[in-house]
Protein backbone atom coordinates (compact mmCIF):
# COMPACT_ATOMS: atom_id res chain seq x y z
CA MET A 1 -0.12 0.19 -0.07
CA PRO A 2 1.50 3.29 -1.08
CA ARG A 3 2.09 5.98 1.73
CA SER A 4 0.83 9.29 2.30
CA GLU A 5 3.45 12.19 1.61
CA ALA A 6 2.84 13.05 5.50
CA GLU A 7 3.71 9.90 6.44
CA THR A 8 6.80 9.20 4.21
CA ARG A 9 7.83 12.75 4.96
CA GLY A 10 7.85 11.91 8.49
CA GLY A 11 9.39 8.08 8.10
CA THR A 12 12.43 10.05 6.45
CA ALA A 13 12.41 13.01 8.97
CA ALA A 14 12.29 10.44 11.63
CA ARG A 15 15.57 8.26 10.15
CA VAL A 16 17.18 11.54 9.59
CA ARG A 17 16.36 12.83 13.04
CA ALA A 18 17.77 8.95 14.33
CA ILE A 19 21.07 9.80 13.16
CA ILE A 20 21.67 13.25 14.26
CA SER A 21 19.78 13.78 16.98
CA HIS A 22 22.91 13.06 19.71
CA ARG A 23 24.43 16.67 18.25
CA ALA A 24 23.57 19.32 20.56
CA ASP A 25 23.46 21.95 17.47
CA VAL A 26 20.39 20.33 15.09
CA ALA A 27 17.47 22.36 15.06
CA GLU A 28 14.05 21.25 13.18
CA ARG A 29 12.75 23.55 10.60
CA ARG A 30 9.21 23.09 8.75
CA MET A 31 10.44 24.91 5.10
CA MET A 32 10.74 24.15 1.68
CA GLY A 33 7.56 22.01 1.94
CA GLY A 34 8.84 19.57 4.62
CA MET A 35 11.11 19.08 7.76
CA CYS A 36 14.94 21.05 7.52
CA PHE A 37 17.32 19.79 9.42
CA MET A 38 19.85 22.78 10.82
CA VAL A 39 23.30 22.01 11.98
CA ALA A 40 25.10 25.09 13.95
CA GLY A 41 22.69 27.18 12.09
CA HIS A 42 23.10 26.01 8.52
CA MET A 43 20.62 24.50 6.27
CA CYS A 44 22.09 20.48 6.31
CA CYS A 45 19.92 17.96 5.13
CA GLY A 46 16.10 17.83 5.16
CA ALA A 47 13.23 15.30 4.51
CA SER A 48 10.51 16.70 1.47
CA GLY A 49 8.25 14.44 0.01
CA GLU A 50 9.59 11.36 -0.71
CA ARG A 51 12.96 12.88 -1.12
CA LEU A 52 15.75 13.91 0.62
CA MET A 53 17.14 17.12 0.42
CA VAL A 54 21.10 17.27 1.03
CA ARG A 55 23.75 19.92 1.19
CA VAL A 56 27.05 18.72 -0.68
CA GLY A 57 28.40 22.17 -1.39
CA ARG A 58 29.55 23.79 -4.52
CA ASP A 59 32.55 21.47 -4.66
CA ALA A 60 30.95 18.28 -4.62
CA TYR A 61 27.74 19.42 -6.33
CA ALA A 62 28.83 18.08 -9.93
CA VAL A 63 30.10 14.82 -8.71
CA ALA A 64 26.44 14.36 -6.69
CA LEU A 65 24.59 15.01 -9.50
CA GLY A 66 26.11 12.17 -11.43
CA GLU A 67 25.08 9.65 -8.95
CA PRO A 68 22.06 7.45 -9.12
CA HIS A 69 18.60 8.91 -8.15
CA VAL A 70 19.94 12.60 -7.60
CA ARG A 71 19.03 15.78 -9.19
CA PRO A 72 19.01 19.40 -8.75
CA LEU A 73 17.14 21.21 -6.12
CA ASP A 74 15.10 23.71 -7.72
CA LEU A 75 12.67 26.11 -5.22
CA GLY A 76 9.92 27.94 -7.14
CA GLY A 77 12.41 27.71 -10.77
CA ARG A 78 15.33 28.70 -8.90
CA ARG A 79 18.54 25.89 -8.82
CA LEU A 80 20.44 26.04 -5.66
CA ILE A 81 23.86 25.13 -6.11
CA GLY A 82 25.34 22.78 -3.68
CA TYR A 83 22.16 21.00 -2.73
CA VAL A 84 20.48 18.37 -4.54
CA LEU A 85 17.09 15.77 -4.05
CA VAL A 86 17.64 12.14 -3.43
CA GLU A 87 15.11 10.30 -4.61
CA ARG A 88 13.67 7.51 -2.05
CA GLU A 89 16.06 4.69 -3.87
CA GLY A 90 19.31 6.69 -3.19
CA PHE A 91 18.84 6.06 0.65
CA ALA A 92 16.70 3.17 1.06
CA THR A 93 19.01 1.80 3.27
CA GLU A 94 20.41 3.02 6.42
CA ALA A 95 24.13 2.60 5.29
CA LEU A 96 23.11 5.05 2.16
CA LEU A 97 20.89 7.43 4.35
CA ARG A 98 23.83 7.59 7.01
CA SER A 99 26.25 8.22 4.14
CA TRP A 100 24.33 11.08 2.67
CA VAL A 101 23.61 12.68 6.20
CA ASP A 102 27.76 12.36 6.74
CA ARG A 103 28.35 14.40 3.47
CA ALA A 104 25.59 16.65 4.65
CA LEU A 105 27.24 17.62 7.93
CA ALA A 106 30.49 17.58 6.04
CA ALA A 107 29.70 20.52 3.76
CA VAL A 108 28.02 22.37 6.99
CA ALA A 109 31.51 21.87 9.16
CA SER A 110 33.47 23.63 6.07
CA LEU A 111 31.09 26.90 6.29
CA PRO A 112 32.01 29.56 8.54
CA ALA A 113 30.35 29.43 12.17
CA ARG A 114 27.67 31.34 12.56
């Protein structure tokens, strides 16, 4: 049975939350039609429908777009360079999800402090 968008979003957000909730610098915000996880004041990753939004950074952007189940993140017709959307198949396992979250955390760690 297909899951509703709310169930899928909640499921993805819950999976991400389980990976990063031990950090003291994580905040959750509703934005971009889903749940966004802020780390140290920077957008890090999030759940949007059945997709995972991941900050990979400008330097890793082209490489990430070449991976299976990944596409650019567009907001209101504007492409956000440094962010990608990963389809459900691209983070189906916990190892795949953790890999994407780790990449997002590395991208945020390279940013100036807020």
